[in-house]
Amino acid sequence: MQLLRPGAKKLTLIDARRVMSIYDESMRRVQLVGGLLEQTSITDIVHRLNTALGVELVAALSRYTTMLDVFDEVCRP
Protein backbone atom coordinates (compact mmCIF):
# COMPACT_ATOMS: atom_id res chain seq x y z
CA MET A 1 0.00 0.00 0.00
CA GLN A 2 1.47 3.31 -1.04
CA LEU A 3 0.99 6.38 1.13
CA LEU A 4 0.39 9.77 -0.38
CA ARG A 5 3.25 12.17 -0.25
CA PRO A 6 2.42 15.41 1.59
CA GLY A 7 2.85 17.38 -1.63
CA ALA A 8 0.35 15.16 -3.44
CA LYS A 9 -2.39 15.99 -0.93
CA LYS A 10 -2.50 19.65 -1.89
CA LEU A 11 -4.72 21.00 -4.61
CA THR A 12 -3.21 23.03 -7.38
CA LEU A 13 -4.29 26.64 -7.59
CA ILE A 14 -6.51 25.94 -10.60
CA ASP A 15 -8.19 22.97 -8.88
CA ALA A 16 -8.72 24.97 -5.69
CA ARG A 17 -10.32 27.81 -7.62
CA ARG A 18 -12.58 25.38 -9.45
CA VAL A 19 -13.69 23.73 -6.20
CA MET A 20 -14.37 27.10 -4.57
CA SER A 21 -16.34 28.39 -7.56
CA ILE A 22 -18.52 25.25 -7.53
CA TYR A 23 -19.01 25.65 -3.77
CA ASP A 24 -19.96 29.33 -4.16
CA GLU A 25 -22.43 28.54 -6.94
CA SER A 26 -24.00 25.74 -4.89
CA MET A 27 -24.41 28.03 -1.90
CA ARG A 28 -26.01 30.69 -4.09
CA ARG A 29 -28.51 28.17 -5.42
CA VAL A 30 -29.34 26.88 -1.95
CA GLN A 31 -29.96 30.44 -0.74
CA LEU A 32 -32.13 31.15 -3.78
CA VAL A 33 -34.30 28.07 -3.26
CA GLY A 34 -34.46 28.70 0.47
CA GLY A 35 -35.66 32.24 -0.15
CA LEU A 36 -38.33 31.02 -2.55
CA LEU A 37 -39.63 28.41 -0.14
CA GLU A 38 -39.57 30.81 2.79
CA GLN A 39 -41.79 33.40 1.11
CA THR A 40 -44.16 31.28 -0.91
CA SER A 41 -45.73 27.85 -0.89
CA ILE A 42 -44.69 25.02 -3.17
CA THR A 43 -47.97 25.35 -5.07
CA ASP A 44 -47.21 28.96 -5.96
CA ILE A 45 -43.72 28.04 -7.16
CA VAL A 46 -45.06 25.19 -9.29
CA HIS A 47 -47.62 27.43 -10.96
CA ARG A 48 -45.08 30.17 -11.65
CA LEU A 49 -42.45 27.80 -13.05
CA ASN A 50 -44.86 25.47 -14.84
CA THR A 51 -43.18 25.62 -18.26
CA ALA A 52 -39.64 25.52 -16.89
CA LEU A 53 -40.21 22.51 -14.65
CA GLY A 54 -41.93 20.29 -17.18
CA VAL A 55 -45.16 18.31 -17.08
CA GLU A 56 -43.89 15.29 -15.13
CA LEU A 57 -42.26 17.30 -12.36
CA VAL A 58 -45.28 19.59 -12.03
CA ALA A 59 -47.56 16.56 -11.69
CA ALA A 60 -45.28 14.99 -9.08
CA LEU A 61 -45.11 18.21 -7.06
CA SER A 62 -48.88 18.60 -7.26
CA ARG A 63 -49.35 15.08 -5.89
CA TYR A 64 -46.82 15.87 -3.17
CA THR A 65 -48.63 19.03 -2.08
CA THR A 66 -51.94 17.13 -1.99
CA MET A 67 -50.42 14.41 0.20
CA LEU A 68 -48.79 17.04 2.40
CA ASP A 69 -52.14 18.77 2.94
CA VAL A 70 -53.78 15.45 3.89
CA PHE A 71 -50.92 14.66 6.25
CA ASP A 72 -51.24 18.07 7.92
CA GLU A 73 -54.98 17.54 8.42
CA VAL A 74 -54.47 14.08 9.94
CA CYS A 75 -51.74 15.29 12.30
CA ARG A 76 -53.63 18.35 13.53
CA PRO A 77 -54.87 17.91 17.12
PDB file of N, CA and C in Angstrom:
ATOM      1  N   MET A   1       0.841  -1.173   0.000  1.00  0.00           N
ATOM      2  CA  MET A   1       0.000   0.000   0.000  1.00  0.00           C
ATOM      3  C   MET A   1       0.889   1.240   0.000  1.00  0.00           C
ATOM      4  N   GLN A   2       0.629   2.133  -0.899  1.00  0.00           N
ATOM      5  CA  GLN A   2       1.471   3.308  -1.040  1.00  0.00           C
ATOM      6  C   GLN A   2       0.791   4.514  -0.377  1.00  0.00           C
ATOM      7  N   LEU A   3       1.504   5.190   0.476  1.00  0.00           N
ATOM      8  CA  LEU A   3       0.990   6.378   1.134  1.00  0.00           C
ATOM      9  C   LEU A   3       1.161   7.588   0.228  1.00  0.00           C
ATOM     10  N   LEU A   4       0.265   8.533   0.388  1.00  0.00           N
ATOM     11  CA  LEU A   4       0.385   9.767  -0.380  1.00  0.00           C
ATOM     12  C   LEU A   4       1.503  10.616   0.188  1.00  0.00           C
ATOM     13  N   ARG A   5       2.227  11.227  -0.687  1.00  0.00           N
ATOM     14  CA  ARG A   5       3.247  12.173  -0.254  1.00  0.00           C
ATOM     15  C   ARG A   5       2.552  13.465   0.173  1.00  0.00           C
ATOM     16  N   PRO A   6       3.073  14.173   1.152  1.00  0.00           N
ATOM     17  CA  PRO A   6       2.425  15.415   1.593  1.00  0.00           C
ATOM     18  C   PRO A   6       2.164  16.397   0.459  1.00  0.00           C
ATOM     19  N   GLY A   7       3.041  16.473  -0.495  1.00  0.00           N
ATOM     20  CA  GLY A   7       2.849  17.383  -1.628  1.00  0.00           C
ATOM     21  C   GLY A   7       1.711  16.953  -2.536  1.00  0.00           C
ATOM     22  N   ALA A   8       1.412  15.667  -2.566  1.00  0.00           N
ATOM     23  CA  ALA A   8       0.352  15.163  -3.436  1.00  0.00           C
ATOM     24  C   ALA A   8      -1.033  15.406  -2.847  1.00  0.00           C
ATOM     25  N   LYS A   9      -1.106  15.756  -1.571  1.00  0.00           N
ATOM     26  CA  LYS A   9      -2.389  15.986  -0.929  1.00  0.00           C
ATOM     27  C   LYS A   9      -2.931  17.387  -1.197  1.00  0.00           C
ATOM     28  N   LYS A  10      -2.096  18.268  -1.674  1.00  0.00           N
ATOM     29  CA  LYS A  10      -2.505  19.654  -1.886  1.00  0.00           C
ATOM     30  C   LYS A  10      -3.110  19.823  -3.274  1.00  0.00           C
ATOM     31  N   LEU A  11      -4.115  20.678  -3.334  1.00  0.00           N
ATOM     32  CA  LEU A  11      -4.720  21.000  -4.614  1.00  0.00           C
ATOM     33  C   LEU A  11      -3.879  22.050  -5.324  1.00  0.00           C
ATOM     34  N   THR A  12      -3.872  21.967  -6.625  1.00  0.00           N
ATOM     35  CA  THR A  12      -3.212  23.032  -7.375  1.00  0.00           C
ATOM     36  C   THR A  12      -4.087  24.268  -7.315  1.00  0.00           C
ATOM     37  N   LEU A  13      -3.553  25.387  -7.657  1.00  0.00           N
ATOM     38  CA  LEU A  13      -4.289  26.642  -7.590  1.00  0.00           C
ATOM     39  C   LEU A  13      -5.520  26.599  -8.492  1.00  0.00           C
ATOM     40  N   ILE A  14      -5.387  26.018  -9.666  1.00  0.00           N
ATOM     41  CA  ILE A  14      -6.513  25.936 -10.596  1.00  0.00           C
ATOM     42  C   ILE A  14      -7.603  25.036 -10.028  1.00  0.00           C
ATOM     43  N   ASP A  15      -7.204  23.881  -9.468  1.00  0.00           N
ATOM     44  CA  ASP A  15      -8.187  22.969  -8.879  1.00  0.00           C
ATOM     45  C   ASP A  15      -8.881  23.604  -7.682  1.00  0.00           C
ATOM     46  N   ALA A  16      -8.139  24.312  -6.853  1.00  0.00           N
ATOM     47  CA  ALA A  16      -8.724  24.971  -5.689  1.00  0.00           C
ATOM     48  C   ALA A  16      -9.720  26.041  -6.110  1.00  0.00           C
ATOM     49  N   ARG A  17      -9.394  26.790  -7.124  1.00  0.00           N
ATOM     50  CA  ARG A  17     -10.316  27.815  -7.624  1.00  0.00           C
ATOM     51  C   ARG A  17     -11.579  27.181  -8.186  1.00  0.00           C
ATOM     52  N   ARG A  18     -11.432  26.078  -8.882  1.00  0.00           N
ATOM     53  CA  ARG A  18     -12.578  25.382  -9.448  1.00  0.00           C
ATOM     54  C   ARG A  18     -13.495  24.858  -8.347  1.00  0.00           C
ATOM     55  N   VAL A  19     -12.911  24.246  -7.319  1.00  0.00           N
ATOM     56  CA  VAL A  19     -13.690  23.731  -6.201  1.00  0.00           C
ATOM     57  C   VAL A  19     -14.425  24.873  -5.505  1.00  0.00           C
ATOM     58  N   MET A  20     -13.749  25.970  -5.257  1.00  0.00           N
ATOM     59  CA  MET A  20     -14.373  27.096  -4.566  1.00  0.00           C
ATOM     60  C   MET A  20     -15.466  27.737  -5.408  1.00  0.00           C
ATOM     61  N   SER A  21     -15.296  27.801  -6.722  1.00  0.00           N
ATOM     62  CA  SER A  21     -16.341  28.385  -7.563  1.00  0.00           C
ATOM     63  C   SER A  21     -17.580  27.488  -7.576  1.00  0.00           C
ATOM     64  N   ILE A  22     -17.385  26.180  -7.587  1.00  0.00           N
ATOM     65  CA  ILE A  22     -18.517  25.253  -7.530  1.00  0.00           C
ATOM     66  C   ILE A  22     -19.213  25.372  -6.178  1.00  0.00           C
ATOM     67  N   TYR A  23     -18.440  25.480  -5.109  1.00  0.00           N
ATOM     68  CA  TYR A  23     -19.014  25.650  -3.772  1.00  0.00           C
ATOM     69  C   TYR A  23     -19.815  26.947  -3.689  1.00  0.00           C
ATOM     70  N   ASP A  24     -19.258  28.040  -4.189  1.00  0.00           N
ATOM     71  CA  ASP A  24     -19.961  29.331  -4.164  1.00  0.00           C
ATOM     72  C   ASP A  24     -21.256  29.278  -4.958  1.00  0.00           C
ATOM     73  N   GLU A  25     -21.231  28.652  -6.113  1.00  0.00           N
ATOM     74  CA  GLU A  25     -22.432  28.536  -6.944  1.00  0.00           C
ATOM     75  C   GLU A  25     -23.484  27.670  -6.259  1.00  0.00           C
ATOM     76  N   SER A  26     -23.057  26.604  -5.623  1.00  0.00           N
ATOM     77  CA  SER A  26     -23.999  25.737  -4.895  1.00  0.00           C
ATOM     78  C   SER A  26     -24.649  26.490  -3.739  1.00  0.00           C
ATOM     79  N   MET A  27     -23.867  27.250  -3.011  1.00  0.00           N
ATOM     80  CA  MET A  27     -24.409  28.033  -1.899  1.00  0.00           C
ATOM     81  C   MET A  27     -25.397  29.086  -2.396  1.00  0.00           C
ATOM     82  N   ARG A  28     -25.102  29.708  -3.523  1.00  0.00           N
ATOM     83  CA  ARG A  28     -26.011  30.694  -4.095  1.00  0.00           C
ATOM     84  C   ARG A  28     -27.341  30.056  -4.460  1.00  0.00           C
ATOM     85  N   ARG A  29     -27.287  28.875  -5.044  1.00  0.00           N
ATOM     86  CA  ARG A  29     -28.513  28.174  -5.422  1.00  0.00           C
ATOM     87  C   ARG A  29     -29.325  27.740  -4.207  1.00  0.00           C
ATOM     88  N   VAL A  30     -28.646  27.274  -3.168  1.00  0.00           N
ATOM     89  CA  VAL A  30     -29.343  26.879  -1.945  1.00  0.00           C
ATOM     90  C   VAL A  30     -30.036  28.086  -1.324  1.00  0.00           C
ATOM     91  N   GLN A  31     -29.361  29.226  -1.291  1.00  0.00           N
ATOM     92  CA  GLN A  31     -29.956  30.436  -0.740  1.00  0.00           C
ATOM     93  C   GLN A  31     -31.146  30.890  -1.573  1.00  0.00           C
ATOM     94  N   LEU A  32     -31.043  30.766  -2.884  1.00  0.00           N
ATOM     95  CA  LEU A  32     -32.134  31.153  -3.776  1.00  0.00           C
ATOM     96  C   LEU A  32     -33.367  30.284  -3.534  1.00  0.00           C
ATOM     97  N   VAL A  33     -33.180  28.985  -3.496  1.00  0.00           N
ATOM     98  CA  VAL A  33     -34.302  28.069  -3.262  1.00  0.00           C
ATOM     99  C   VAL A  33     -34.868  28.270  -1.863  1.00  0.00           C
ATOM    100  N   GLY A  34     -33.997  28.455  -0.885  1.00  0.00           N
ATOM    101  CA  GLY A  34     -34.457  28.699   0.473  1.00  0.00           C
ATOM    102  C   GLY A  34     -35.291  29.960   0.567  1.00  0.00           C
ATOM    103  N   GLY A  35     -34.887  30.992  -0.135  1.00  0.00           N
ATOM    104  CA  GLY A  35     -35.656  32.236  -0.152  1.00  0.00           C
ATOM    105  C   GLY A  35     -37.006  32.060  -0.815  1.00  0.00           C
ATOM    106  N   LEU A  36     -37.053  31.280  -1.879  1.00  0.00           N
ATOM    107  CA  LEU A  36     -38.326  31.024  -2.553  1.00  0.00           C
ATOM    108  C   LEU A  36     -39.279  30.265  -1.646  1.00  0.00           C
ATOM    109  N   LEU A  37     -38.774  29.234  -0.991  1.00  0.00           N
ATOM    110  CA  LEU A  37     -39.625  28.414  -0.139  1.00  0.00           C
ATOM    111  C   LEU A  37     -40.058  29.152   1.118  1.00  0.00           C
ATOM    112  N   GLU A  38     -39.241  30.073   1.576  1.00  0.00           N
ATOM    113  CA  GLU A  38     -39.574  30.809   2.786  1.00  0.00           C
ATOM    114  C   GLU A  38     -40.732  31.770   2.554  1.00  0.00           C
ATOM    115  N   GLN A  39     -40.801  32.362   1.377  1.00  0.00           N
ATOM    116  CA  GLN A  39     -41.786  33.403   1.114  1.00  0.00           C
ATOM    117  C   GLN A  39     -43.058  32.896   0.450  1.00  0.00           C
ATOM    118  N   THR A  40     -42.992  31.771  -0.199  1.00  0.00           N
ATOM    119  CA  THR A  40     -44.164  31.275  -0.913  1.00  0.00           C
ATOM    120  C   THR A  40     -44.349  29.786  -0.652  1.00  0.00           C
ATOM    121  N   SER A  41     -45.493  29.285  -1.031  1.00  0.00           N
ATOM    122  CA  SER A  41     -45.731  27.852  -0.888  1.00  0.00           C
ATOM    123  C   SER A  41     -45.250  27.126  -2.137  1.00  0.00           C
ATOM    124  N   ILE A  42     -45.138  25.825  -2.035  1.00  0.00           N
ATOM    125  CA  ILE A  42     -44.690  25.017  -3.167  1.00  0.00           C
ATOM    126  C   ILE A  42     -45.668  25.146  -4.329  1.00  0.00           C
ATOM    127  N   THR A  43     -46.949  25.241  -4.025  1.00  0.00           N
ATOM    128  CA  THR A  43     -47.968  25.354  -5.068  1.00  0.00           C
ATOM    129  C   THR A  43     -47.761  26.612  -5.899  1.00  0.00           C
ATOM    130  N   ASP A  44     -47.460  27.721  -5.231  1.00  0.00           N
ATOM    131  CA  ASP A  44     -47.212  28.963  -5.961  1.00  0.00           C
ATOM    132  C   ASP A  44     -45.998  28.848  -6.873  1.00  0.00           C
ATOM    133  N   ILE A  45     -44.937  28.209  -6.364  1.00  0.00           N
ATOM    134  CA  ILE A  45     -43.723  28.042  -7.158  1.00  0.00           C
ATOM    135  C   ILE A  45     -44.003  27.174  -8.377  1.00  0.00           C
ATOM    136  N   VAL A  46     -44.753  26.095  -8.185  1.00  0.00           N
ATOM    137  CA  VAL A  46     -45.064  25.187  -9.294  1.00  0.00           C
ATOM    138  C   VAL A  46     -45.853  25.918 -10.377  1.00  0.00           C
ATOM    139  N   HIS A  47     -46.816  26.716  -9.974  1.00  0.00           N
ATOM    140  CA  HIS A  47     -47.624  27.427 -10.961  1.00  0.00           C
ATOM    141  C   HIS A  47     -46.813  28.487 -11.699  1.00  0.00           C
ATOM    142  N   ARG A  48     -45.885  29.141 -10.998  1.00  0.00           N
ATOM    143  CA  ARG A  48     -45.081  30.174 -11.653  1.00  0.00           C
ATOM    144  C   ARG A  48     -44.036  29.583 -12.591  1.00  0.00           C
ATOM    145  N   LEU A  49     -43.500  28.418 -12.251  1.00  0.00           N
ATOM    146  CA  LEU A  49     -42.447  27.804 -13.055  1.00  0.00           C
ATOM    147  C   LEU A  49     -42.945  26.607 -13.848  1.00  0.00           C
ATOM    148  N   ASN A  50     -44.221  26.598 -14.176  1.00  0.00           N
ATOM    149  CA  ASN A  50     -44.857  25.467 -14.844  1.00  0.00           C
ATOM    150  C   ASN A  50     -44.121  25.049 -16.115  1.00  0.00           C
ATOM    151  N   THR A  51     -43.825  25.971 -16.989  1.00  0.00           N
ATOM    152  CA  THR A  51     -43.180  25.616 -18.258  1.00  0.00           C
ATOM    153  C   THR A  51     -41.722  25.223 -18.061  1.00  0.00           C
ATOM    154  N   ALA A  52     -41.050  25.830 -17.096  1.00  0.00           N
ATOM    155  CA  ALA A  52     -39.638  25.523 -16.887  1.00  0.00           C
ATOM    156  C   ALA A  52     -39.437  24.163 -16.231  1.00  0.00           C
ATOM    157  N   LEU A  53     -40.358  23.762 -15.374  1.00  0.00           N
ATOM    158  CA  LEU A  53     -40.208  22.508 -14.648  1.00  0.00           C
ATOM    159  C   LEU A  53     -40.569  21.288 -15.479  1.00  0.00           C
ATOM    160  N   GLY A  54     -41.509  21.424 -16.390  1.00  0.00           N
ATOM    161  CA  GLY A  54     -41.932  20.287 -17.183  1.00  0.00           C
ATOM    162  C   GLY A  54     -43.170  19.624 -16.599  1.00  0.00           C
ATOM    163  N   VAL A  55     -43.873  18.903 -17.439  1.00  0.00           N
ATOM    164  CA  VAL A  55     -45.163  18.312 -17.078  1.00  0.00           C
ATOM    165  C   VAL A  55     -45.026  17.258 -15.982  1.00  0.00           C
ATOM    166  N   GLU A  56     -44.036  16.376 -16.096  1.00  0.00           N
ATOM    167  CA  GLU A  56     -43.890  15.285 -15.133  1.00  0.00           C
ATOM    168  C   GLU A  56     -43.552  15.800 -13.738  1.00  0.00           C
ATOM    169  N   LEU A  57     -42.639  16.758 -13.660  1.00  0.00           N
ATOM    170  CA  LEU A  57     -42.259  17.297 -12.360  1.00  0.00           C
ATOM    171  C   LEU A  57     -43.393  18.096 -11.737  1.00  0.00           C
ATOM    172  N   VAL A  58     -44.138  18.837 -12.541  1.00  0.00           N
ATOM    173  CA  VAL A  58     -45.278  19.590 -12.027  1.00  0.00           C
ATOM    174  C   VAL A  58     -46.329  18.638 -11.472  1.00  0.00           C
ATOM    175  N   ALA A  59     -46.582  17.544 -12.171  1.00  0.00           N
ATOM    176  CA  ALA A  59     -47.557  16.560 -11.693  1.00  0.00           C
ATOM    177  C   ALA A  59     -47.091  15.922 -10.385  1.00  0.00           C
ATOM    178  N   ALA A  60     -45.810  15.592 -10.300  1.00  0.00           N
ATOM    179  CA  ALA A  60     -45.284  14.987  -9.076  1.00  0.00           C
ATOM    180  C   ALA A  60     -45.361  15.961  -7.901  1.00  0.00           C
ATOM    181  N   LEU A  61     -45.034  17.211  -8.133  1.00  0.00           N
ATOM    182  CA  LEU A  61     -45.113  18.213  -7.064  1.00  0.00           C
ATOM    183  C   LEU A  61     -46.554  18.477  -6.649  1.00  0.00           C
ATOM    184  N   SER A  62     -47.462  18.414  -7.593  1.00  0.00           N
ATOM    185  CA  SER A  62     -48.877  18.597  -7.262  1.00  0.00           C
ATOM    186  C   SER A  62     -49.373  17.454  -6.381  1.00  0.00           C
ATOM    187  N   ARG A  63     -48.986  16.228  -6.720  1.00  0.00           N
ATOM    188  CA  ARG A  63     -49.352  15.076  -5.888  1.00  0.00           C
ATOM    189  C   ARG A  63     -48.731  15.214  -4.498  1.00  0.00           C
ATOM    190  N   TYR A  64     -47.502  15.688  -4.451  1.00  0.00           N
ATOM    191  CA  TYR A  64     -46.819  15.867  -3.167  1.00  0.00           C
ATOM    192  C   TYR A  64     -47.550  16.892  -2.301  1.00  0.00           C
ATOM    193  N   THR A  65     -47.947  18.010  -2.873  1.00  0.00           N
ATOM    194  CA  THR A  65     -48.634  19.027  -2.080  1.00  0.00           C
ATOM    195  C   THR A  65     -49.988  18.517  -1.591  1.00  0.00           C
ATOM    196  N   THR A  66     -50.666  17.720  -2.413  1.00  0.00           N
ATOM    197  CA  THR A  66     -51.935  17.133  -1.989  1.00  0.00           C
ATOM    198  C   THR A  66     -51.726  16.187  -0.809  1.00  0.00           C
ATOM    199  N   MET A  67     -50.718  15.331  -0.902  1.00  0.00           N
ATOM    200  CA  MET A  67     -50.423  14.409   0.199  1.00  0.00           C
ATOM    201  C   MET A  67     -49.981  15.164   1.442  1.00  0.00           C
ATOM    202  N   LEU A  68     -49.237  16.236   1.271  1.00  0.00           N
ATOM    203  CA  LEU A  68     -48.792  17.036   2.404  1.00  0.00           C
ATOM    204  C   LEU A  68     -49.969  17.693   3.113  1.00  0.00           C
ATOM    205  N   ASP A  69     -50.936  18.175   2.341  1.00  0.00           N
ATOM    206  CA  ASP A  69     -52.140  18.767   2.938  1.00  0.00           C
ATOM    207  C   ASP A  69     -52.922  17.730   3.740  1.00  0.00           C
ATOM    208  N   VAL A  70     -53.074  16.529   3.180  1.00  0.00           N
ATOM    209  CA  VAL A  70     -53.782  15.452   3.888  1.00  0.00           C
ATOM    210  C   VAL A  70     -53.029  15.084   5.163  1.00  0.00           C
ATOM    211  N   PHE A  71     -51.730  14.988   5.079  1.00  0.00           N
ATOM    212  CA  PHE A  71     -50.917  14.664   6.248  1.00  0.00           C
ATOM    213  C   PHE A  71     -51.091  15.721   7.335  1.00  0.00           C
ATOM    214  N   ASP A  72     -51.071  16.988   6.941  1.00  0.00           N
ATOM    215  CA  ASP A  72     -51.245  18.073   7.924  1.00  0.00           C
ATOM    216  C   ASP A  72     -52.604  17.994   8.602  1.00  0.00           C
ATOM    217  N   GLU A  73     -53.641  17.657   7.843  1.00  0.00           N
ATOM    218  CA  GLU A  73     -54.983  17.541   8.421  1.00  0.00           C
ATOM    219  C   GLU A  73     -55.056  16.374   9.395  1.00  0.00           C
ATOM    220  N   VAL A  74     -54.436  15.262   9.071  1.00  0.00           N
ATOM    221  CA  VAL A  74     -54.468  14.084   9.940  1.00  0.00           C
ATOM    222  C   VAL A  74     -53.690  14.351  11.234  1.00  0.00           C
ATOM    223  N   CYS A  75     -52.592  15.063  11.136  1.00  0.00           N
ATOM    224  CA  CYS A  75     -51.738  15.290  12.304  1.00  0.00           C
ATOM    225  C   CYS A  75     -52.191  16.443  13.187  1.00  0.00           C
ATOM    226  N   ARG A  76     -53.140  17.230  12.727  1.00  0.00           N
ATOM    227  CA  ARG A  76     -53.629  18.351  13.534  1.00  0.00           C
ATOM    228  C   ARG A  76     -54.409  17.837  14.738  1.00  0.00           C
ATOM    229  N   PRO A  77     -54.137  18.392  15.921  1.00  0.00           N
ATOM    230  CA  PRO A  77     -54.867  17.907  17.119  1.00  0.00           C
ATOM    231  C   PRO A  77     -56.303  18.379  17.159  1.00  0.00           C
TER     232      PRO A  77
END
